[in-house]
Structure formats: C-alpha cells, structure tokens
C-alpha cells in the first residue's frame, strides 16, 4: 500500500496506460500478481552511462519478492529474458550464475547517444533453467572404450567408488583424441621434435 503522503513526497507519476509508476525519478514496471507467487530478477546497483553504439557489462544484484522461493535441492542455473531495459538499451537472453550480488549482465546500446540507466532499474526477470549437454554425452556414448583408457581407469586408487570410475571412464572416452594410444601415436599434434628419443606415452 502506498500512502498519499509518500506519493506526494516521491513526486509520483502513475501511468496506467503503460502500467508503470515513477517514484523519485525512478520508474517501476507494474505487474499483475496473477498466479505467480514468487519471482527473481536482477536490478542495476549504480547509476551507469552506457556509451552509444557499444556493449557494456552492468553490475547488478538479485531481488526476490520474498525469501520463501521454490525448494531447489541442487545448484540451478538462471536464464534472463531478452528485453529492452530502457529506450535503446537492450539485454539478451542468456544464462547467469546462481549468486545474488555483483552479477555481471551484458547490455548493448543500439543508439548513437550515451544512455543513463538509473540504479534500481529492473534489468531482467530470471527463470530457472536446467543446462543439458546431450550432444557431448551422445557423442561419448557412441565411442568404443579404448583398452589404454580402460587400463587408466583400472589403475586408479581402490578408494575410488564404482560410480566415480564409470564417470572417469566416460570423461576419458569423450576426450580420447587428446591421449596417445601407443608410443607412435602423439594424439592431436602436427609436428613434434623429440630429437633422438622415442615419443613417450
């Protein structure tokens, strides 16, 4: 609830057509609550001038509408939406790390003139995302295990669990082209000068 005294002191301008309210020179986009009970977004920490026709990283922090968000047991990635932050300054859709302060967000000023973006400006809403590396896993699963790589897995310490051994085997297989398979195979190299010595595995 915003009291009339506060609205007068803040010089409030309420634009019902655009769905925004200006308080003390800062504009705030208004949203209907609808069914959404929790949100996460990044806002600009300090007043910043974005030079014309250039890209720039802005220092932002994460805001929540409450601290009782969805229960997430594992680390999660967050994706920001593509939008125009202010006239001529746009942000793209990309992933952000899971922390709350000094979150670097890249923007681009598509105009010829510098644009001032005020502290507290909402840069973007954030949505949870699950990053999948399906292509790499599929490529690794199609490769046949190599006896040299299997020998490397077999020789790890006995304290390493079977699950970790399996993951190690998958990793070695995925990047098998970086390993020498015998003393004459130098992996991904064009020219190697070993002098009078044989290549060493």
Foldseek 3Di string as FASTA:
>chain_A
DDDPVQCVVQVWDQDPVQQWIHGVNDIDHHDDCPVPDKWKFWFAAAKDKDAAQDKDKTFTFMDMPDPPDDDDPDFWKKWWPWDAQDVQKIFHTDIWGPDGGRTIGMIGRHGNGIDIDHGGRTRTIIDTDDDDPVVLLVVLVPFDQDPVLLVVLVPDDPVDDPVVSVVSSSVCSSVVQCDANDQQRNRPDDDDPPDPDTRDD
